[in-house]
Structure formats: C-alpha cells, structure tokens
Amino acid sequence: MDISEKIKILSSAGKYDACASTSCNPKKPLILPNDRIGNLAAGGICHSYLPSGQCVSLFKVLLSNKCTNDCFYCSNNCYARINRTEFSKEELSNVFLKLYKSNYVEGLFLSSGIGRDEEVQMEKMIETVRHLRFKEKFHGYIHLKILPGVSKDKIDEATALASRVSINSEAPNKSRLNELTTTKDFKSDVLKRMRWIKEKAIKNNLPSGHTTQLVVGPAGETDREIVSRIDNLYNEMDLKRGYFSSFIPVPGTPFENKQREPLKRENFLYRTDFMLRFYGIKKKEFVFNEQGNLNLSIDPKIAMALESDLFPLDINESSFDELIRVPGIGPTTAKRITDLNNSGFKFSKESELKNLGIVVKRALPFIKLNGRIQKSLTEFC
C-alpha cells in the first residue's frame, strides 16, 4: 500500500478523537488535485487550543487501525471489515514533517488501534515520538494517546516525550462502559491508568497536562452521570479538560442502527464543563430533569439561575462569586464589575453594562439597577 493511501485511511480513522470543543471548516483550496497533500479534510488536520489560548493546527492520525477491541460504536473495532494498515515511525515522521515544514500544521495528535498487544503498540507510538524528538529534532507540540491497559513504565516514557497525553474514558462509569465494549474494564484500564498519568505528569512536568473524551449517547448514560464523572476527574485526577463527542452511528458497527445523538446535547455539556472549570460552579448547582438530563430547550446557566433564590442581585453590591452566576456575565466581566464597584463607581444605566461586555438581554431579568428589577423573567418561563 502506498503512503498516500495510508494517509487517507489512518487520518480518516482518527477523526473521532476530539481535541477541540468546536470544529472549524477548512478554507477551500484554490486547486484540488487528487494527490494534494495539503487537502485539510483528507489530510486529517484539526484545530486544538493550548493552555495559553493559542489555536494550533494538528495532524491527527492513527499509527495503526489494527485493533483487538470490540467497541461497538467504533469504525476500527476488531470485527469491522475495513482495510487495515499502519505507518512505520519513519513514514509517519516524514509525512508529518512535510506538512509541518509546508506550514500546514503546527503539531501532531497521534493515536492508534491496540493491535495484538497494547504494550507493543504503545512502544511503537513512543518510538515514533522519540524519532521525531531526537532524530528529527522536532520540539513542537505532540499530543500522544495513551492506550488502555498499558504499563506504568510506558506512561512514564510517554509523559516525558509528549506535550500532552490523554486516555479516553468513553463512558462515565463501569456499567456504562460495559454497554460499549466487552474488552475494556473501566476501573483497571481507564481510572488506574489516569492515576498513573497524574503521577507521571507531575514527575515529568507534562506541559499541557492530560485530557479525556466521553462518547455521548450510545450507552444510555445521563448528563448527570457525565457531569459527575468529569467533575470527579478534575478534582481527583488533575484532568486538564474533558471532551464530549455526540454519538454518530457508523455503518458496519454493532451500533449502526442506533439513533444519532443531538449535537445540542454535546454543546450543553461543554457549557456546563466551562462553568465547572472557569466559574467555580459546583456540580450540585446544575439543573437536570427527572431522567437526569439537561433541558435542551434552555441554556444550562439560565436554567440554573431560574432555580436559584440568589436573584435578583444588586449589580452594585454583589461579589464576584454571585455575579459569575448571572446569565450574560462571565469571569472577565464579573471581575470588571467588582473592580469598578471597589473603586467607588456605581452602575445606573443599561448602556454602562453593555459597554462593559455584559450580554444585557440575558442579564437584566436577574439584576437590579438603582434598586429596581430591570426586566421580567416571563420570557424564560
């Protein structure tokens, strides 16, 4: 199999690993020859964000799509009738460096199927990164996927070489993961390895930390279960961030006839995740329905505010922790308000709030100006 066919197969096979909460449609190139290595869609190029907020383009690809796991939603599962192939470390390095030197990408996102032995396959991935680091002198961004079940020694090596690592949780707990596969154990293959990643990330000063991904929908998991798990991982595992991927049925898999999960559910989970990480909001504050899911007809922050007895707030007398819970006010604007209040300034006009960056339409029903409520809550009820 020639290298262009391998790129096509293994970059396409890697597209289900999320590394950004939003996707970017690539610009259409001026010319479209079939063998164009810069074709963003076919070339597996995606966008991710560093802790600094910088957006980087990554070459996202599998080292191999050979796999012994039977994940029922995955196009690469062991029963799938697909073309199987793999890169050598030299092949992948050459492809990546051509993209990098042509300024198409700024980093690498490397994952893989398990192969016959996760330890052997993880070693091949590590050798590929080692080849890039020491043979090719590439010192840029590399996100390396940790395969479930690998040894602590391999995790030690991976965290010493990569900029970021991740292991996919896939589901929020053991019973839900059992609905997705018979070949993985949640406590052993996922949580135990996350503890090792946390330990080795500290030892090796892993620059961008570690992440995980959950598939939303196929196992019947609730949003409450997902939010509870991701909150636990932030608190117990020093997780840098979680990613959510709405289930999409893939032809030829055991779950091909399952219903596709609404993208809006994924979007709302990202909103709650953002509030967990940056707003200091606790998981118990989120509002779930009787089935344990978020109400997709109303923004999670507004739903939370409607259930709270905190409102309406006097904009001139409220703390940062109170203001951050007002719909339409984020961490930056909450700090601006408290800084101005502490300096003696008092807000009296809607225009003053708008000029500060507040989404006034959302905020007005939950605040007081000049001692008066500014807008009724009826539009949300």
Protein backbone atom coordinates (compact mmCIF):
# COMPACT_ATOMS: atom_id res chain seq x y z
CA MET A 1 0.00 0.00 0.00
CA ASP A 2 1.44 3.40 -0.97
CA ILE A 3 1.87 6.23 1.51
CA SER A 4 -0.97 8.38 0.15
CA GLU A 5 -3.44 5.52 0.71
CA LYS A 6 -2.15 5.05 4.26
CA ILE A 7 -2.64 8.76 4.96
CA LYS A 8 -6.19 8.59 3.66
CA ILE A 9 -7.10 5.52 5.75
CA LEU A 10 -5.34 6.39 9.00
CA SER A 11 -6.23 10.10 9.12
CA SER A 12 -9.88 9.25 8.43
CA ALA A 13 -9.77 6.55 11.14
CA GLY A 14 -8.51 9.10 13.66
CA LYS A 15 -11.24 11.69 13.13
CA TYR A 16 -13.38 10.52 16.07
CA ASP A 17 -10.82 11.56 18.69
CA ALA A 18 -11.83 15.04 19.85
CA CYS A 19 -9.22 17.64 20.75
CA ALA A 20 -11.37 20.76 20.37
CA SER A 21 -14.90 21.51 21.52
CA THR A 22 -15.74 23.28 18.28
CA SER A 23 -14.79 22.35 14.76
CA CYS A 24 -13.57 24.66 12.03
CA ASN A 25 -14.48 24.24 8.39
CA PRO A 26 -11.27 24.49 6.37
CA LYS A 27 -10.95 27.10 3.64
CA LYS A 28 -11.39 25.69 0.16
CA PRO A 29 -8.04 25.47 -1.64
CA LEU A 30 -7.59 27.24 -4.95
CA ILE A 31 -6.83 23.95 -6.69
CA LEU A 32 -7.95 20.43 -5.87
CA PRO A 33 -5.64 17.80 -7.39
CA ASN A 34 -6.37 14.30 -6.13
CA ASP A 35 -2.89 13.83 -4.72
CA ARG A 36 -2.77 17.17 -2.90
CA ILE A 37 -1.10 16.50 0.46
CA GLY A 38 -2.42 19.82 1.76
CA ASN A 39 -6.08 18.82 1.48
CA LEU A 40 -7.17 19.65 5.03
CA ALA A 41 -10.18 17.34 5.16
CA ALA A 42 -8.43 14.31 3.71
CA GLY A 43 -5.17 15.06 5.48
CA GLY A 44 -6.59 14.79 8.98
CA ILE A 45 -5.82 18.37 10.03
CA CYS A 46 -7.77 19.68 13.01
CA HIS A 47 -7.58 22.55 15.47
CA SER A 48 -6.79 22.50 19.16
CA TYR A 49 -6.05 25.04 21.88
CA LEU A 50 -3.03 25.29 24.14
CA PRO A 51 -3.34 26.37 27.82
CA SER A 52 -2.32 29.87 26.70
CA GLY A 53 -5.39 30.02 24.46
CA GLN A 54 -3.35 29.77 21.27
CA CYS A 55 -5.08 27.84 18.47
CA VAL A 56 -2.85 25.32 16.74
CA SER A 57 -3.41 23.10 13.70
CA LEU A 58 -2.65 19.44 14.35
CA PHE A 59 -2.08 16.48 12.09
CA LYS A 60 -4.48 13.99 13.71
CA VAL A 61 -3.79 10.42 12.68
CA LEU A 62 -3.57 6.81 13.84
CA LEU A 63 -0.30 4.94 13.77
CA SER A 64 -2.37 1.81 13.05
CA ASN A 65 -6.06 0.95 12.66
CA LYS A 66 -5.45 -2.68 13.60
CA CYS A 67 -7.36 -3.36 16.83
CA THR A 68 -8.42 -6.24 19.07
CA ASN A 69 -11.04 -4.24 21.00
CA ASP A 70 -14.69 -4.68 20.12
CA CYS A 71 -16.00 -1.14 20.90
CA PHE A 72 -19.49 -1.35 19.41
CA TYR A 73 -19.59 2.24 18.10
CA CYS A 74 -16.08 2.37 16.64
CA SER A 75 -15.32 2.02 12.93
CA ASN A 76 -12.00 0.37 13.79
CA ASN A 77 -13.35 -2.36 16.08
CA CYS A 78 -11.95 -5.85 15.67
CA TYR A 79 -14.95 -7.14 13.67
CA ALA A 80 -15.07 -4.24 11.17
CA ARG A 81 -14.49 -5.17 7.54
CA ILE A 82 -12.07 -2.40 6.66
CA ASN A 83 -8.64 -2.09 5.12
CA ARG A 84 -6.07 -2.45 7.90
CA THR A 85 -2.71 -0.76 7.71
CA GLU A 86 -0.10 1.03 9.77
CA PHE A 87 2.72 3.54 9.46
CA SER A 88 6.31 2.84 10.29
CA LYS A 89 7.86 5.51 12.51
CA GLU A 90 9.85 6.81 9.53
CA GLU A 91 6.78 7.02 7.28
CA LEU A 92 4.69 8.93 9.79
CA SER A 93 7.57 11.24 10.70
CA ASN A 94 8.20 12.06 7.03
CA VAL A 95 4.53 12.80 6.35
CA PHE A 96 4.17 14.97 9.43
CA LEU A 97 7.38 16.92 8.84
CA LYS A 98 6.40 17.66 5.23
CA LEU A 99 3.11 19.11 6.49
CA TYR A 100 4.91 20.99 9.25
CA LYS A 101 7.60 22.47 7.02
CA SER A 102 4.92 23.47 4.50
CA ASN A 103 3.21 25.37 7.33
CA TYR A 104 0.02 23.28 7.14
CA VAL A 105 0.29 22.09 10.75
CA GLU A 106 1.94 23.13 13.99
CA GLY A 107 1.76 19.86 15.87
CA LEU A 108 0.87 16.17 15.92
CA PHE A 109 -2.04 14.28 17.52
CA LEU A 110 -1.03 10.61 17.49
CA SER A 111 -3.35 7.77 18.45
CA SER A 112 -3.60 4.13 17.42
CA GLY A 113 -5.60 0.96 17.43
CA ILE A 114 -4.50 -1.58 20.03
CA GLY A 115 -3.03 -4.12 17.63
CA ARG A 116 -2.36 -7.57 19.08
CA ASP A 117 -0.74 -6.21 22.25
CA GLU A 118 -1.30 -2.76 23.75
CA GLU A 119 2.19 -2.72 25.28
CA VAL A 120 3.85 -3.42 21.94
CA GLN A 121 1.70 -0.87 20.13
CA MET A 122 2.31 1.80 22.76
CA GLU A 123 6.04 1.20 22.36
CA LYS A 124 5.71 1.79 18.60
CA MET A 125 3.93 5.10 19.27
CA ILE A 126 6.60 6.15 21.77
CA GLU A 127 9.35 5.18 19.32
CA THR A 128 7.69 7.35 16.68
CA VAL A 129 7.66 10.34 19.02
CA ARG A 130 11.23 9.60 20.13
CA HIS A 131 12.26 9.52 16.46
CA LEU A 132 10.68 12.95 15.92
CA ARG A 133 12.18 14.42 19.07
CA PHE A 134 15.76 13.13 18.82
CA LYS A 135 16.36 12.06 15.22
CA GLU A 136 14.41 14.85 13.50
CA LYS A 137 14.92 17.44 16.28
CA PHE A 138 11.20 18.36 16.41
CA HIS A 139 10.48 20.11 19.70
CA GLY A 140 6.95 21.35 18.94
CA TYR A 141 3.55 20.23 20.18
CA ILE A 142 2.74 16.50 20.31
CA HIS A 143 -0.44 15.05 21.80
CA LEU A 144 0.05 11.33 22.43
CA LYS A 145 -2.83 8.99 23.15
CA ILE A 146 -2.31 6.51 25.99
CA LEU A 147 -3.70 3.08 25.13
CA PRO A 148 -5.89 1.44 27.80
CA GLY A 149 -4.12 -1.29 29.72
CA VAL A 150 -0.51 -0.18 29.16
CA SER A 151 2.11 -0.36 31.89
CA LYS A 152 3.22 2.46 34.19
CA ASP A 153 6.66 2.41 32.51
CA LYS A 154 5.12 3.20 29.13
CA ILE A 155 3.11 6.07 30.65
CA ASP A 156 6.32 7.36 32.20
CA GLU A 157 8.03 7.36 28.80
CA ALA A 158 5.05 8.94 27.05
CA THR A 159 4.70 11.82 29.53
CA ALA A 160 8.43 12.50 29.29
CA LEU A 161 8.23 12.90 25.50
CA ALA A 162 4.81 14.41 24.74
CA SER A 163 3.39 17.89 25.27
CA ARG A 164 0.02 16.43 26.25
CA VAL A 165 -1.34 12.91 26.72
CA SER A 166 -4.85 11.53 27.02
CA ILE A 167 -6.73 8.33 27.68
CA ASN A 168 -10.36 8.09 26.65
CA SER A 169 -12.85 7.43 29.42
CA GLU A 170 -15.53 6.83 26.73
CA ALA A 171 -18.24 6.36 29.38
CA PRO A 172 -18.86 7.88 32.84
CA ASN A 173 -18.71 4.64 34.82
CA LYS A 174 -18.16 0.88 34.71
CA SER A 175 -21.73 -0.15 33.92
CA ARG A 176 -21.98 2.29 31.01
CA LEU A 177 -18.63 1.22 29.55
CA ASN A 178 -19.83 -2.38 29.70
CA GLU A 179 -22.60 -1.33 27.30
CA LEU A 180 -19.96 -0.18 24.80
CA THR A 181 -17.39 -2.98 24.88
CA THR A 182 -16.56 -6.37 26.37
CA THR A 183 -12.79 -5.89 26.14
CA LYS A 184 -12.16 -2.93 28.49
CA ASP A 185 -12.51 -2.53 32.24
CA PHE A 186 -13.35 0.97 33.49
CA LYS A 187 -11.55 0.80 36.82
CA SER A 188 -8.45 -1.01 35.61
CA ASP A 189 -7.95 0.17 32.02
CA VAL A 190 -9.14 3.76 32.50
CA LEU A 191 -9.13 5.04 36.09
CA LYS A 192 -6.00 3.18 37.18
CA ARG A 193 -4.11 4.49 34.14
CA MET A 194 -5.36 8.02 34.81
CA ARG A 195 -3.88 7.85 38.30
CA TRP A 196 -0.57 6.81 36.79
CA ILE A 197 -0.79 9.62 34.23
CA LYS A 198 -1.42 12.12 37.06
CA GLU A 199 1.64 10.81 38.92
CA LYS A 200 3.93 10.80 35.88
CA ALA A 201 2.66 14.16 34.59
CA ILE A 202 3.86 15.75 37.84
CA LYS A 203 7.18 13.89 37.75
CA ASN A 204 7.90 14.75 34.11
CA ASN A 205 6.38 18.25 34.16
CA LEU A 206 3.99 17.46 31.30
CA PRO A 207 3.49 20.92 29.71
CA SER A 208 -0.18 20.69 28.65
CA GLY A 209 -1.43 18.10 31.12
CA HIS A 210 -3.80 15.27 30.25
CA THR A 211 -7.31 15.09 28.85
CA THR A 212 -10.08 12.59 28.22
CA GLN A 213 -13.08 12.09 25.96
CA LEU A 214 -16.57 10.71 26.59
CA VAL A 215 -18.91 9.47 23.88
CA VAL A 216 -22.37 10.96 24.48
CA GLY A 217 -25.43 8.83 23.91
CA PRO A 218 -24.81 5.21 22.92
CA ALA A 219 -24.73 3.65 26.40
CA GLY A 220 -27.85 5.42 27.71
CA GLU A 221 -25.77 7.49 30.16
CA THR A 222 -27.36 10.61 31.63
CA ASP A 223 -25.96 14.13 31.64
CA ARG A 224 -25.84 13.96 35.45
CA GLU A 225 -23.56 10.91 35.23
CA ILE A 226 -21.31 12.63 32.69
CA VAL A 227 -21.04 15.90 34.65
CA SER A 228 -20.42 13.99 37.89
CA ARG A 229 -17.62 11.95 36.31
CA ILE A 230 -15.89 14.88 34.63
CA ASP A 231 -16.08 16.90 37.86
CA ASN A 232 -14.52 13.98 39.71
CA LEU A 233 -11.69 13.76 37.17
CA TYR A 234 -10.94 17.47 37.54
CA ASN A 235 -10.82 17.18 41.32
CA GLU A 236 -9.19 13.77 41.74
CA MET A 237 -7.05 13.27 38.62
CA ASP A 238 -5.85 16.80 37.83
CA LEU A 239 -7.50 16.47 34.42
CA LYS A 240 -6.77 19.47 32.21
CA ARG A 241 -10.08 19.22 30.41
CA GLY A 242 -12.73 16.84 29.14
CA TYR A 243 -14.10 16.47 25.63
CA PHE A 244 -17.54 15.26 24.63
CA SER A 245 -18.43 13.62 21.34
CA SER A 246 -22.06 13.14 20.32
CA PHE A 247 -22.64 9.59 19.15
CA ILE A 248 -22.89 9.17 15.38
CA PRO A 249 -23.80 5.69 14.11
CA VAL A 250 -21.14 4.23 11.84
CA PRO A 251 -22.19 1.75 9.13
CA GLY A 252 -20.82 -1.72 9.72
CA THR A 253 -20.67 -1.44 13.52
CA PRO A 254 -23.00 -3.14 16.04
CA PHE A 255 -24.47 0.30 16.82
CA GLU A 256 -25.13 1.28 13.22
CA ASN A 257 -28.91 1.31 13.79
CA LYS A 258 -28.85 3.37 16.97
CA GLN A 259 -30.20 6.91 16.81
CA ARG A 260 -27.74 9.76 16.34
CA GLU A 261 -27.36 11.94 19.44
CA PRO A 262 -28.27 15.64 19.06
CA LEU A 263 -25.25 17.90 18.70
CA LYS A 264 -27.00 20.35 21.03
CA ARG A 265 -26.55 17.91 23.91
CA GLU A 266 -22.80 17.91 23.32
CA ASN A 267 -22.87 21.71 23.17
CA PHE A 268 -24.73 22.00 26.51
CA LEU A 269 -22.29 19.60 28.16
CA TYR A 270 -19.44 21.84 27.02
CA ARG A 271 -21.24 24.81 28.58
CA THR A 272 -21.56 23.06 31.93
CA ASP A 273 -17.94 21.91 31.67
CA PHE A 274 -16.84 25.51 31.08
CA MET A 275 -18.72 26.63 34.20
CA LEU A 276 -17.10 23.86 36.26
CA ARG A 277 -13.61 24.85 35.14
CA PHE A 278 -13.77 28.63 35.00
CA TYR A 279 -16.77 29.80 37.03
CA GLY A 280 -16.25 27.78 40.19
CA ILE A 281 -19.80 26.47 39.93
CA LYS A 282 -20.43 23.16 41.70
CA LYS A 283 -22.00 20.15 40.01
CA LYS A 284 -24.89 20.16 42.51
CA GLU A 285 -25.98 23.57 41.19
CA PHE A 286 -26.81 22.33 37.69
CA VAL A 287 -30.43 21.54 36.90
CA PHE A 288 -31.34 18.13 35.48
CA ASN A 289 -34.77 16.74 34.63
CA GLU A 290 -36.31 13.58 36.11
CA GLN A 291 -34.32 11.46 33.65
CA GLY A 292 -31.08 13.08 34.82
CA ASN A 293 -30.50 15.11 31.66
CA LEU A 294 -30.09 18.80 30.88
CA ASN A 295 -33.13 20.57 29.40
CA LEU A 296 -32.12 21.18 25.78
CA SER A 297 -34.72 23.93 25.40
CA ILE A 298 -32.99 26.32 27.77
CA ASP A 299 -29.38 27.34 28.35
CA PRO A 300 -27.90 25.48 31.37
CA LYS A 301 -26.85 28.71 33.10
CA ILE A 302 -30.30 30.26 32.70
CA ALA A 303 -31.94 27.05 33.95
CA MET A 304 -29.66 27.15 36.99
CA ALA A 305 -30.43 30.83 37.64
CA LEU A 306 -34.19 30.28 37.43
CA GLU A 307 -33.97 27.65 40.18
CA SER A 308 -31.78 29.77 42.45
CA ASP A 309 -33.01 32.01 45.27
CA LEU A 310 -29.97 34.26 44.76
CA PHE A 311 -31.68 36.57 42.28
CA PRO A 312 -32.30 39.38 41.59
CA LEU A 313 -28.87 40.73 42.52
CA ASP A 314 -27.99 44.36 43.04
CA ILE A 315 -25.25 44.85 40.46
CA ASN A 316 -23.50 47.39 42.71
CA GLU A 317 -23.48 45.26 45.86
CA SER A 318 -22.64 41.76 44.63
CA SER A 319 -19.49 39.69 44.99
CA PHE A 320 -17.59 38.04 42.15
CA ASP A 321 -18.98 34.60 43.11
CA GLU A 322 -22.53 35.96 42.93
CA LEU A 323 -22.03 37.87 39.67
CA ILE A 324 -20.48 34.88 37.92
CA ARG A 325 -23.82 33.08 38.30
CA VAL A 326 -25.75 35.78 36.44
CA PRO A 327 -26.61 34.77 32.84
CA GLY A 328 -24.78 37.03 30.43
CA ILE A 329 -21.90 37.70 32.82
CA GLY A 330 -18.64 35.77 32.52
CA PRO A 331 -15.44 35.74 34.58
CA THR A 332 -13.91 38.74 32.81
CA THR A 333 -16.97 40.98 33.10
CA ALA A 334 -17.63 39.85 36.70
CA LYS A 335 -14.11 40.97 37.62
CA ARG A 336 -14.57 44.29 35.82
CA ILE A 337 -17.78 44.95 37.74
CA THR A 338 -16.25 44.15 41.14
CA ASP A 339 -13.15 46.23 40.36
CA LEU A 340 -15.29 49.21 39.42
CA ASN A 341 -17.53 48.78 42.48
CA ASN A 342 -14.48 48.61 44.73
CA SER A 343 -13.21 51.86 43.20
CA GLY A 344 -16.48 53.60 44.10
CA PHE A 345 -18.21 53.51 40.71
CA LYS A 346 -21.93 52.68 40.73
CA PHE A 347 -23.83 51.40 37.69
CA SER A 348 -27.10 53.17 36.90
CA LYS A 349 -27.71 52.61 33.17
CA GLU A 350 -28.07 49.59 30.90
CA SER A 351 -25.63 51.18 28.45
CA GLU A 352 -22.89 51.10 31.09
CA LEU A 353 -23.32 47.35 31.46
CA LYS A 354 -23.34 46.82 27.70
CA ASN A 355 -20.15 48.84 27.29
CA LEU A 356 -18.54 46.55 29.85
CA GLY A 357 -19.18 43.47 27.72
CA ILE A 358 -22.24 42.07 29.51
CA VAL A 359 -24.89 40.30 27.41
CA VAL A 360 -27.56 42.68 28.69
CA LYS A 361 -30.56 40.83 27.27
CA ARG A 362 -29.70 37.75 29.34
CA ALA A 363 -28.59 39.57 32.47
CA LEU A 364 -31.37 42.13 33.01
CA PRO A 365 -34.04 39.77 34.47
CA PHE A 366 -31.59 38.69 37.17
CA ILE A 367 -30.18 42.03 38.36
CA LYS A 368 -31.21 45.29 39.99
CA LEU A 369 -30.15 48.77 38.87
CA ASN A 370 -30.95 51.72 41.09
CA GLY A 371 -32.68 49.28 43.41
CA ARG A 372 -35.15 48.12 40.77
CA ILE A 373 -35.57 44.89 38.74
CA GLN A 374 -34.97 45.74 35.10
CA LYS A 375 -36.88 43.03 33.23
CA SER A 376 -39.40 40.28 33.88
CA LEU A 377 -38.44 36.60 33.94
CA THR A 378 -41.55 35.64 31.98
CA GLU A 379 -39.68 35.13 28.69
CA PHE A 380 -37.76 32.24 30.31
CA CYS A 381 -40.76 30.63 31.99
